[in-house]
Protein backbone atom coordinates (compact mmCIF):
# COMPACT_ATOMS: atom_id res chain seq x y z
CA UNK A 1 0.00 0.00 0.00
CA UNK A 2 1.47 3.33 -1.11
CA UNK A 3 0.34 5.30 1.95
CA UNK A 4 1.92 2.78 4.32
CA UNK A 5 5.26 2.90 2.45
CA UNK A 6 5.28 6.69 2.54
CA UNK A 7 4.37 6.77 6.24
CA UNK A 8 7.13 4.24 6.97
CA UNK A 9 9.66 6.35 5.03
CA UNK A 10 8.55 9.55 6.79
CA UNK A 11 8.74 7.88 10.22
CA UNK A 12 12.43 7.07 9.62
CA UNK A 13 13.42 10.69 9.03
CA UNK A 14 15.18 12.40 11.93
CA UNK A 15 15.89 16.05 11.28
CA UNK A 16 15.18 19.08 13.50
CA UNK A 17 13.71 20.87 10.48
CA UNK A 18 11.05 18.22 9.89
CA UNK A 19 7.95 17.26 11.83
CA UNK A 20 8.32 13.75 13.24
CA UNK A 21 5.84 11.00 12.46
CA UNK A 22 4.86 9.54 15.82
CA UNK A 23 2.51 6.77 14.69
CA UNK A 24 0.62 5.52 11.68
CA UNK A 25 -1.58 2.61 10.83
CA UNK A 26 -4.96 1.40 9.73
CA UNK A 27 -8.08 0.90 11.79
CA UNK A 28 -10.14 -2.30 11.45
CA UNK A 29 -12.68 -0.38 9.36
CA UNK A 30 -9.95 0.58 6.85
CA UNK A 31 -9.42 4.16 8.07
CA UNK A 32 -5.77 5.17 7.67
CA UNK A 33 -4.18 7.50 10.19
CA UNK A 34 -0.93 9.40 10.54
CA UNK A 35 -0.04 11.06 13.86
CA UNK A 36 2.63 13.74 13.64
CA UNK A 37 4.43 15.89 16.16
CA UNK A 38 2.61 19.10 17.13
CA UNK A 39 4.64 22.24 16.60
CA UNK A 40 3.43 25.37 18.34
CA UNK A 41 3.98 28.51 16.36
CA UNK A 42 3.26 30.19 13.06
CA UNK A 43 3.80 28.75 9.61
CA UNK A 44 5.62 30.68 6.91
CA UNK A 45 2.41 31.90 5.27
CA UNK A 46 1.19 33.37 8.59
CA UNK A 47 4.54 35.10 9.16
CA UNK A 48 4.44 36.63 5.69
CA UNK A 49 0.86 37.83 6.20
CA UNK A 50 1.64 39.28 9.64
CA UNK A 51 5.05 40.81 8.92
CA UNK A 52 5.36 41.14 5.16
CA UNK A 53 8.53 40.24 3.31
CA UNK A 54 11.34 39.59 5.80
CA UNK A 55 14.79 41.13 5.47
CA UNK A 56 17.30 39.29 3.26
CA UNK A 57 19.15 37.80 6.25
CA UNK A 58 15.93 36.17 7.49
CA UNK A 59 15.12 34.87 4.00
CA UNK A 60 18.55 33.23 3.82
CA UNK A 61 17.96 31.66 7.25
CA UNK A 62 14.55 30.28 6.21
CA UNK A 63 15.92 28.89 2.94
CA UNK A 64 18.77 27.28 4.88
CA UNK A 65 16.27 25.53 7.15
CA UNK A 66 14.25 24.30 4.16
CA UNK A 67 17.39 23.01 2.45
CA UNK A 68 18.50 21.26 5.65
CA UNK A 69 15.13 19.52 5.80
CA UNK A 70 15.33 18.50 2.13
CA UNK A 71 18.86 17.20 2.69
CA UNK A 72 17.41 14.94 5.38
CA UNK A 73 15.16 13.34 2.78
CA UNK A 74 17.91 12.48 0.29
CA UNK A 75 17.52 8.79 0.97
CA UNK A 76 13.79 8.98 0.39
CA UNK A 77 13.00 9.67 -3.29
CA UNK A 78 9.35 8.82 -2.65
CA UNK A 79 9.06 11.73 -0.20
CA UNK A 80 10.86 14.05 -2.60
CA UNK A 81 8.38 13.16 -5.37
CA UNK A 82 5.56 14.00 -2.96
CA UNK A 83 7.11 17.37 -2.16
CA UNK A 84 7.62 18.25 -5.82
CA UNK A 85 4.02 17.27 -6.54
CA UNK A 86 2.80 19.65 -3.83
CA UNK A 87 4.97 22.55 -4.97
CA UNK A 88 3.97 22.24 -8.63
PDB file of N, CA and C in Angstrom:
ATOM      1  N   UNK A   1       0.855  -1.181   0.000  1.00  0.00           N
ATOM      2  CA  UNK A   1       0.000   0.000   0.000  1.00  0.00           C
ATOM      3  C   UNK A   1       0.897   1.239   0.000  1.00  0.00           C
ATOM      4  N   UNK A   2       0.644   2.132  -0.901  1.00  0.00           N
ATOM      5  CA  UNK A   2       1.471   3.326  -1.114  1.00  0.00           C
ATOM      6  C   UNK A   2       1.518   4.212   0.131  1.00  0.00           C
ATOM      7  N   UNK A   3       0.391   4.427   0.772  1.00  0.00           N
ATOM      8  CA  UNK A   3       0.336   5.297   1.950  1.00  0.00           C
ATOM      9  C   UNK A   3       1.191   4.715   3.069  1.00  0.00           C
ATOM     10  N   UNK A   4       1.132   3.425   3.263  1.00  0.00           N
ATOM     11  CA  UNK A   4       1.920   2.779   4.323  1.00  0.00           C
ATOM     12  C   UNK A   4       3.415   2.918   4.046  1.00  0.00           C
ATOM     13  N   UNK A   5       3.833   2.744   2.788  1.00  0.00           N
ATOM     14  CA  UNK A   5       5.259   2.899   2.448  1.00  0.00           C
ATOM     15  C   UNK A   5       5.726   4.328   2.711  1.00  0.00           C
ATOM     16  N   UNK A   6       4.905   5.297   2.330  1.00  0.00           N
ATOM     17  CA  UNK A   6       5.284   6.693   2.543  1.00  0.00           C
ATOM     18  C   UNK A   6       5.330   7.024   4.031  1.00  0.00           C
ATOM     19  N   UNK A   7       4.372   6.522   4.792  1.00  0.00           N
ATOM     20  CA  UNK A   7       4.374   6.768   6.236  1.00  0.00           C
ATOM     21  C   UNK A   7       5.592   6.114   6.885  1.00  0.00           C
ATOM     22  N   UNK A   8       5.943   4.921   6.438  1.00  0.00           N
ATOM     23  CA  UNK A   8       7.132   4.243   6.968  1.00  0.00           C
ATOM     24  C   UNK A   8       8.384   5.049   6.651  1.00  0.00           C
ATOM     25  N   UNK A   9       8.492   5.530   5.412  1.00  0.00           N
ATOM     26  CA  UNK A   9       9.658   6.349   5.029  1.00  0.00           C
ATOM     27  C   UNK A   9       9.718   7.618   5.862  1.00  0.00           C
ATOM     28  N   UNK A  10       8.588   8.297   6.021  1.00  0.00           N
ATOM     29  CA  UNK A  10       8.553   9.545   6.791  1.00  0.00           C
ATOM     30  C   UNK A  10       8.897   9.295   8.252  1.00  0.00           C
ATOM     31  N   UNK A  11       8.477   8.165   8.807  1.00  0.00           N
ATOM     32  CA  UNK A  11       8.744   7.883  10.218  1.00  0.00           C
ATOM     33  C   UNK A  11      10.225   7.634  10.488  1.00  0.00           C
ATOM     34  N   UNK A  12      10.987   7.334   9.463  1.00  0.00           N
ATOM     35  CA  UNK A  12      12.430   7.074   9.621  1.00  0.00           C
ATOM     36  C   UNK A  12      13.270   8.340   9.563  1.00  0.00           C
ATOM     37  N   UNK A  13      12.670   9.443   9.140  1.00  0.00           N
ATOM     38  CA  UNK A  13      13.420  10.692   9.032  1.00  0.00           C
ATOM     39  C   UNK A  13      13.645  11.290  10.413  1.00  0.00           C
ATOM     40  N   UNK A  14      14.844  11.777  10.656  1.00  0.00           N
ATOM     41  CA  UNK A  14      15.178  12.402  11.933  1.00  0.00           C
ATOM     42  C   UNK A  14      15.973  13.665  11.638  1.00  0.00           C
ATOM     43  N   UNK A  15      15.269  14.777  11.610  1.00  0.00           N
ATOM     44  CA  UNK A  15      15.892  16.053  11.281  1.00  0.00           C
ATOM     45  C   UNK A  15      15.156  17.135  12.058  1.00  0.00           C
ATOM     46  N   UNK A  16      15.859  18.045  12.710  1.00  0.00           N
ATOM     47  CA  UNK A  16      15.184  19.081  13.505  1.00  0.00           C
ATOM     48  C   UNK A  16      14.332  20.029  12.660  1.00  0.00           C
ATOM     49  N   UNK A  17      14.495  20.008  11.347  1.00  0.00           N
ATOM     50  CA  UNK A  17      13.713  20.875  10.481  1.00  0.00           C
ATOM     51  C   UNK A  17      12.474  20.190   9.927  1.00  0.00           C
ATOM     52  N   UNK A  18      12.212  18.970  10.355  1.00  0.00           N
ATOM     53  CA  UNK A  18      11.046  18.222   9.893  1.00  0.00           C
ATOM     54  C   UNK A  18      10.164  17.827  11.065  1.00  0.00           C
ATOM     55  N   UNK A  19       8.861  17.784  10.816  1.00  0.00           N
ATOM     56  CA  UNK A  19       7.946  17.257  11.826  1.00  0.00           C
ATOM     57  C   UNK A  19       8.125  15.741  11.873  1.00  0.00           C
ATOM     58  N   UNK A  20       8.148  15.196  13.081  1.00  0.00           N
ATOM     59  CA  UNK A  20       8.317  13.753  13.239  1.00  0.00           C
ATOM     60  C   UNK A  20       6.978  13.034  13.107  1.00  0.00           C
ATOM     61  N   UNK A  21       7.010  11.874  12.488  1.00  0.00           N
ATOM     62  CA  UNK A  21       5.843  10.995  12.458  1.00  0.00           C
ATOM     63  C   UNK A  21       5.911  10.159  13.724  1.00  0.00           C
ATOM     64  N   UNK A  22       4.880  10.248  14.548  1.00  0.00           N
ATOM     65  CA  UNK A  22       4.862   9.535  15.817  1.00  0.00           C
ATOM     66  C   UNK A  22       4.234   8.156  15.693  1.00  0.00           C
ATOM     67  N   UNK A  23       3.212   8.044  14.846  1.00  0.00           N
ATOM     68  CA  UNK A  23       2.510   6.775  14.694  1.00  0.00           C
ATOM     69  C   UNK A  23       1.734   6.804  13.389  1.00  0.00           C
ATOM     70  N   UNK A  24       1.463   5.643  12.858  1.00  0.00           N
ATOM     71  CA  UNK A  24       0.617   5.521  11.680  1.00  0.00           C
ATOM     72  C   UNK A  24       0.071   4.106  11.642  1.00  0.00           C
ATOM     73  N   UNK A  25      -1.007   3.942  10.931  1.00  0.00           N
ATOM     74  CA  UNK A  25      -1.581   2.611  10.829  1.00  0.00           C
ATOM     75  C   UNK A  25      -2.929   2.637  10.146  1.00  0.00           C
ATOM     76  N   UNK A  26      -3.642   1.546  10.335  1.00  0.00           N
ATOM     77  CA  UNK A  26      -4.956   1.400   9.728  1.00  0.00           C
ATOM     78  C   UNK A  26      -5.896   0.794  10.751  1.00  0.00           C
ATOM     79  N   UNK A  27      -7.052   1.398  10.890  1.00  0.00           N
ATOM     80  CA  UNK A  27      -8.077   0.903  11.792  1.00  0.00           C
ATOM     81  C   UNK A  27      -8.764  -0.311  11.173  1.00  0.00           C
ATOM     82  N   UNK A  28      -9.449  -1.124  11.987  1.00  0.00           N
ATOM     83  CA  UNK A  28     -10.140  -2.304  11.447  1.00  0.00           C
ATOM     84  C   UNK A  28     -11.147  -1.973  10.339  1.00  0.00           C
ATOM     85  N   UNK A  29     -11.709  -0.763  10.395  1.00  0.00           N
ATOM     86  CA  UNK A  29     -12.684  -0.383   9.364  1.00  0.00           C
ATOM     87  C   UNK A  29     -12.021   0.152   8.094  1.00  0.00           C
ATOM     88  N   UNK A  30     -10.668   0.138   8.040  1.00  0.00           N
ATOM     89  CA  UNK A  30      -9.952   0.576   6.853  1.00  0.00           C
ATOM     90  C   UNK A  30      -9.442   2.007   6.918  1.00  0.00           C
ATOM     91  N   UNK A  31      -9.859   2.767   7.932  1.00  0.00           N
ATOM     92  CA  UNK A  31      -9.422   4.157   8.070  1.00  0.00           C
ATOM     93  C   UNK A  31      -7.917   4.214   8.320  1.00  0.00           C
ATOM     94  N   UNK A  32      -7.210   4.975   7.497  1.00  0.00           N
ATOM     95  CA  UNK A  32      -5.773   5.170   7.668  1.00  0.00           C
ATOM     96  C   UNK A  32      -5.533   6.388   8.544  1.00  0.00           C
ATOM     97  N   UNK A  33      -4.509   6.333   9.371  1.00  0.00           N
ATOM     98  CA  UNK A  33      -4.181   7.498  10.189  1.00  0.00           C
ATOM     99  C   UNK A  33      -2.679   7.717  10.221  1.00  0.00           C
ATOM    100  N   UNK A  34      -2.323   8.980  10.448  1.00  0.00           N
ATOM    101  CA  UNK A  34      -0.929   9.401  10.544  1.00  0.00           C
ATOM    102  C   UNK A  34      -0.866  10.435  11.658  1.00  0.00           C
ATOM    103  N   UNK A  35      -0.180  10.129  12.737  1.00  0.00           N
ATOM    104  CA  UNK A  35      -0.044  11.061  13.862  1.00  0.00           C
ATOM    105  C   UNK A  35       1.344  11.679  13.801  1.00  0.00           C
ATOM    106  N   UNK A  36       1.357  13.023  13.747  1.00  0.00           N
ATOM    107  CA  UNK A  36       2.627  13.738  13.645  1.00  0.00           C
ATOM    108  C   UNK A  36       2.816  14.640  14.852  1.00  0.00           C
ATOM    109  N   UNK A  37       4.052  14.983  15.086  1.00  0.00           N
ATOM    110  CA  UNK A  37       4.432  15.890  16.163  1.00  0.00           C
ATOM    111  C   UNK A  37       3.688  17.221  16.015  1.00  0.00           C
ATOM    112  N   UNK A  38       3.244  17.781  17.133  1.00  0.00           N
ATOM    113  CA  UNK A  38       2.605  19.099  17.126  1.00  0.00           C
ATOM    114  C   UNK A  38       3.683  20.158  17.346  1.00  0.00           C
ATOM    115  N   UNK A  39       3.706  21.131  16.465  1.00  0.00           N
ATOM    116  CA  UNK A  39       4.643  22.238  16.598  1.00  0.00           C
ATOM    117  C   UNK A  39       3.852  23.503  16.868  1.00  0.00           C
ATOM    118  N   UNK A  40       4.117  24.133  17.975  1.00  0.00           N
ATOM    119  CA  UNK A  40       3.431  25.365  18.342  1.00  0.00           C
ATOM    120  C   UNK A  40       4.133  26.536  17.658  1.00  0.00           C
ATOM    121  N   UNK A  41       3.370  27.357  17.008  1.00  0.00           N
ATOM    122  CA  UNK A  41       3.977  28.513  16.355  1.00  0.00           C
ATOM    123  C   UNK A  41       3.254  28.863  15.070  1.00  0.00           C
ATOM    124  N   UNK A  42       3.870  29.731  14.307  1.00  0.00           N
ATOM    125  CA  UNK A  42       3.264  30.194  13.058  1.00  0.00           C
ATOM    126  C   UNK A  42       3.958  29.556  11.865  1.00  0.00           C
ATOM    127  N   UNK A  43       3.179  29.250  10.830  1.00  0.00           N
ATOM    128  CA  UNK A  43       3.796  28.750   9.613  1.00  0.00           C
ATOM    129  C   UNK A  43       4.282  29.927   8.775  1.00  0.00           C
ATOM    130  N   UNK A  44       5.007  29.628   7.720  1.00  0.00           N
ATOM    131  CA  UNK A  44       5.619  30.675   6.906  1.00  0.00           C
ATOM    132  C   UNK A  44       4.575  31.603   6.303  1.00  0.00           C
ATOM    133  N   UNK A  45       3.457  31.057   5.847  1.00  0.00           N
ATOM    134  CA  UNK A  45       2.410  31.903   5.270  1.00  0.00           C
ATOM    135  C   UNK A  45       1.888  32.910   6.293  1.00  0.00           C
ATOM    136  N   UNK A  46       1.679  32.472   7.536  1.00  0.00           N
ATOM    137  CA  UNK A  46       1.193  33.371   8.587  1.00  0.00           C
ATOM    138  C   UNK A  46       2.221  34.456   8.861  1.00  0.00           C
ATOM    139  N   UNK A  47       3.485  34.103   8.920  1.00  0.00           N
ATOM    140  CA  UNK A  47       4.542  35.096   9.160  1.00  0.00           C
ATOM    141  C   UNK A  47       4.541  36.145   8.055  1.00  0.00           C
ATOM    142  N   UNK A  48       4.444  35.684   6.810  1.00  0.00           N
ATOM    143  CA  UNK A  48       4.440  36.630   5.689  1.00  0.00           C
ATOM    144  C   UNK A  48       3.220  37.549   5.731  1.00  0.00           C
ATOM    145  N   UNK A  49       2.060  37.003   6.104  1.00  0.00           N
ATOM    146  CA  UNK A  49       0.856  37.834   6.202  1.00  0.00           C
ATOM    147  C   UNK A  49       0.964  38.837   7.339  1.00  0.00           C
ATOM    148  N   UNK A  50       1.540  38.406   8.459  1.00  0.00           N
ATOM    149  CA  UNK A  50       1.641  39.277   9.638  1.00  0.00           C
ATOM    150  C   UNK A  50       2.734  40.334   9.489  1.00  0.00           C
ATOM    151  N   UNK A  51       3.860  39.949   8.905  1.00  0.00           N
ATOM    152  CA  UNK A  51       5.051  40.805   8.924  1.00  0.00           C
ATOM    153  C   UNK A  51       5.492  41.305   7.556  1.00  0.00           C
ATOM    154  N   UNK A  52       4.910  40.767   6.499  1.00  0.00           N
ATOM    155  CA  UNK A  52       5.357  41.139   5.163  1.00  0.00           C
ATOM    156  C   UNK A  52       6.653  40.420   4.809  1.00  0.00           C
ATOM    157  N   UNK A  53       7.290  40.874   3.772  1.00  0.00           N
ATOM    158  CA  UNK A  53       8.527  40.240   3.314  1.00  0.00           C
ATOM    159  C   UNK A  53       9.633  40.486   4.339  1.00  0.00           C
ATOM    160  N   UNK A  54      10.267  39.415   4.806  1.00  0.00           N
ATOM    161  CA  UNK A  54      11.336  39.587   5.798  1.00  0.00           C
ATOM    162  C   UNK A  54      12.603  40.155   5.157  1.00  0.00           C
ATOM    163  N   UNK A  55      13.517  40.642   5.987  1.00  0.00           N
ATOM    164  CA  UNK A  55      14.793  41.134   5.466  1.00  0.00           C
ATOM    165  C   UNK A  55      15.595  39.989   4.844  1.00  0.00           C
ATOM    166  N   UNK A  56      16.524  40.323   3.959  1.00  0.00           N
ATOM    167  CA  UNK A  56      17.296  39.287   3.259  1.00  0.00           C
ATOM    168  C   UNK A  56      17.973  38.275   4.192  1.00  0.00           C
ATOM    169  N   UNK A  57      18.478  38.724   5.334  1.00  0.00           N
ATOM    170  CA  UNK A  57      19.149  37.797   6.255  1.00  0.00           C
ATOM    171  C   UNK A  57      18.177  36.726   6.748  1.00  0.00           C
ATOM    172  N   UNK A  58      16.947  37.130   7.015  1.00  0.00           N
ATOM    173  CA  UNK A  58      15.935  36.169   7.491  1.00  0.00           C
ATOM    174  C   UNK A  58      15.541  35.218   6.364  1.00  0.00           C
ATOM    175  N   UNK A  59      15.450  35.724   5.147  1.00  0.00           N
ATOM    176  CA  UNK A  59      15.123  34.866   4.005  1.00  0.00           C
ATOM    177  C   UNK A  59      16.190  33.789   3.831  1.00  0.00           C
ATOM    178  N   UNK A  60      17.451  34.190   3.941  1.00  0.00           N
ATOM    179  CA  UNK A  60      18.550  33.230   3.823  1.00  0.00           C
ATOM    180  C   UNK A  60      18.452  32.182   4.934  1.00  0.00           C
ATOM    181  N   UNK A  61      18.111  32.586   6.140  1.00  0.00           N
ATOM    182  CA  UNK A  61      17.956  31.660   7.254  1.00  0.00           C
ATOM    183  C   UNK A  61      16.831  30.666   6.981  1.00  0.00           C
ATOM    184  N   UNK A  62      15.699  31.154   6.502  1.00  0.00           N
ATOM    185  CA  UNK A  62      14.554  30.281   6.209  1.00  0.00           C
ATOM    186  C   UNK A  62      14.913  29.290   5.106  1.00  0.00           C
ATOM    187  N   UNK A  63      15.529  29.781   4.040  1.00  0.00           N
ATOM    188  CA  UNK A  63      15.921  28.892   2.940  1.00  0.00           C
ATOM    189  C   UNK A  63      16.909  27.844   3.434  1.00  0.00           C
ATOM    190  N   UNK A  64      17.821  28.237   4.309  1.00  0.00           N
ATOM    191  CA  UNK A  64      18.768  27.284   4.881  1.00  0.00           C
ATOM    192  C   UNK A  64      18.066  26.178   5.652  1.00  0.00           C
ATOM    193  N   UNK A  65      17.025  26.541   6.406  1.00  0.00           N
ATOM    194  CA  UNK A  65      16.266  25.535   7.149  1.00  0.00           C
ATOM    195  C   UNK A  65      15.528  24.589   6.208  1.00  0.00           C
ATOM    196  N   UNK A  66      14.948  25.135   5.148  1.00  0.00           N
ATOM    197  CA  UNK A  66      14.246  24.304   4.161  1.00  0.00           C
ATOM    198  C   UNK A  66      15.228  23.351   3.487  1.00  0.00           C
ATOM    199  N   UNK A  67      16.385  23.852   3.094  1.00  0.00           N
ATOM    200  CA  UNK A  67      17.387  23.006   2.445  1.00  0.00           C
ATOM    201  C   UNK A  67      17.910  21.928   3.391  1.00  0.00           C
ATOM    202  N   UNK A  68      18.066  22.261   4.667  1.00  0.00           N
ATOM    203  CA  UNK A  68      18.502  21.260   5.646  1.00  0.00           C
ATOM    204  C   UNK A  68      17.461  20.148   5.761  1.00  0.00           C
ATOM    205  N   UNK A  69      16.193  20.520   5.728  1.00  0.00           N
ATOM    206  CA  UNK A  69      15.129  19.521   5.798  1.00  0.00           C
ATOM    207  C   UNK A  69      15.132  18.648   4.543  1.00  0.00           C
ATOM    208  N   UNK A  70      15.291  19.270   3.380  1.00  0.00           N
ATOM    209  CA  UNK A  70      15.334  18.498   2.133  1.00  0.00           C
ATOM    210  C   UNK A  70      16.543  17.572   2.104  1.00  0.00           C
ATOM    211  N   UNK A  71      17.660  18.036   2.630  1.00  0.00           N
ATOM    212  CA  UNK A  71      18.855  17.201   2.692  1.00  0.00           C
ATOM    213  C   UNK A  71      18.586  15.954   3.528  1.00  0.00           C
ATOM    214  N   UNK A  72      17.766  16.080   4.543  1.00  0.00           N
ATOM    215  CA  UNK A  72      17.413  14.938   5.379  1.00  0.00           C
ATOM    216  C   UNK A  72      16.564  13.914   4.661  1.00  0.00           C
ATOM    217  N   UNK A  73      15.995  14.275   3.520  1.00  0.00           N
ATOM    218  CA  UNK A  73      15.157  13.338   2.778  1.00  0.00           C
ATOM    219  C   UNK A  73      15.871  12.736   1.581  1.00  0.00           C
ATOM    220  N   UNK A  74      17.171  12.963   1.469  1.00  0.00           N
ATOM    221  CA  UNK A  74      17.912  12.483   0.288  1.00  0.00           C
ATOM    222  C   UNK A  74      17.771  10.982   0.073  1.00  0.00           C
ATOM    223  N   UNK A  75      17.642  10.234   1.124  1.00  0.00           N
ATOM    224  CA  UNK A  75      17.520   8.785   0.975  1.00  0.00           C
ATOM    225  C   UNK A  75      16.085   8.351   0.743  1.00  0.00           C
ATOM    226  N   UNK A  76      15.193   9.310   0.559  1.00  0.00           N
ATOM    227  CA  UNK A  76      13.790   8.984   0.392  1.00  0.00           C
ATOM    228  C   UNK A  76      13.226   9.645  -0.871  1.00  0.00           C
ATOM    229  N   UNK A  77      13.505   9.085  -2.050  1.00  0.00           N
ATOM    230  CA  UNK A  77      12.999   9.674  -3.293  1.00  0.00           C
ATOM    231  C   UNK A  77      11.478   9.754  -3.323  1.00  0.00           C
ATOM    232  N   UNK A  78      10.813   8.806  -2.679  1.00  0.00           N
ATOM    233  CA  UNK A  78       9.346   8.818  -2.649  1.00  0.00           C
ATOM    234  C   UNK A  78       8.841  10.097  -1.979  1.00  0.00           C
ATOM    235  N   UNK A  79       9.472  10.501  -0.878  1.00  0.00           N
ATOM    236  CA  UNK A  79       9.063  11.728  -0.203  1.00  0.00           C
ATOM    237  C   UNK A  79       9.392  12.952  -1.042  1.00  0.00           C
ATOM    238  N   UNK A  80      10.512  12.920  -1.738  1.00  0.00           N
ATOM    239  CA  UNK A  80      10.861  14.050  -2.601  1.00  0.00           C
ATOM    240  C   UNK A  80       9.838  14.210  -3.729  1.00  0.00           C
ATOM    241  N   UNK A  81       9.392  13.092  -4.318  1.00  0.00           N
ATOM    242  CA  UNK A  81       8.376  13.164  -5.369  1.00  0.00           C
ATOM    243  C   UNK A  81       7.101  13.793  -4.814  1.00  0.00           C
ATOM    244  N   UNK A  82       6.750  13.430  -3.581  1.00  0.00           N
ATOM    245  CA  UNK A  82       5.564  14.002  -2.959  1.00  0.00           C
ATOM    246  C   UNK A  82       5.698  15.503  -2.769  1.00  0.00           C
ATOM    247  N   UNK A  83       6.870  15.947  -2.360  1.00  0.00           N
ATOM    248  CA  UNK A  83       7.106  17.368  -2.164  1.00  0.00           C
ATOM    249  C   UNK A  83       7.016  18.115  -3.485  1.00  0.00           C
ATOM    250  N   UNK A  84       7.653  17.581  -4.518  1.00  0.00           N
ATOM    251  CA  UNK A  84       7.617  18.249  -5.816  1.00  0.00           C
ATOM    252  C   UNK A  84       6.193  18.301  -6.350  1.00  0.00           C
ATOM    253  N   UNK A  85       5.405  17.273  -6.098  1.00  0.00           N
ATOM    254  CA  UNK A  85       4.015  17.268  -6.535  1.00  0.00           C
ATOM    255  C   UNK A  85       3.213  18.359  -5.860  1.00  0.00           C
ATOM    256  N   UNK A  86       3.500  18.616  -4.574  1.00  0.00           N
ATOM    257  CA  UNK A  86       2.802  19.646  -3.827  1.00  0.00           C
ATOM    258  C   UNK A  86       3.204  21.029  -4.316  1.00  0.00           C
ATOM    259  N   UNK A  87       4.490  21.230  -4.602  1.00  0.00           N
ATOM    260  CA  UNK A  87       4.968  22.546  -4.970  1.00  0.00           C
ATOM    261  C   UNK A  87       4.593  22.924  -6.395  1.00  0.00           C
ATOM    262  N   UNK A  88       4.266  21.966  -7.224  1.00  0.00           N
ATOM    263  CA  UNK A  88       3.966  22.240  -8.627  1.00  0.00           C
ATOM    264  C   UNK A  88       2.563  22.547  -8.810  1.00  0.00           C
TER     265      UNK A  88
END
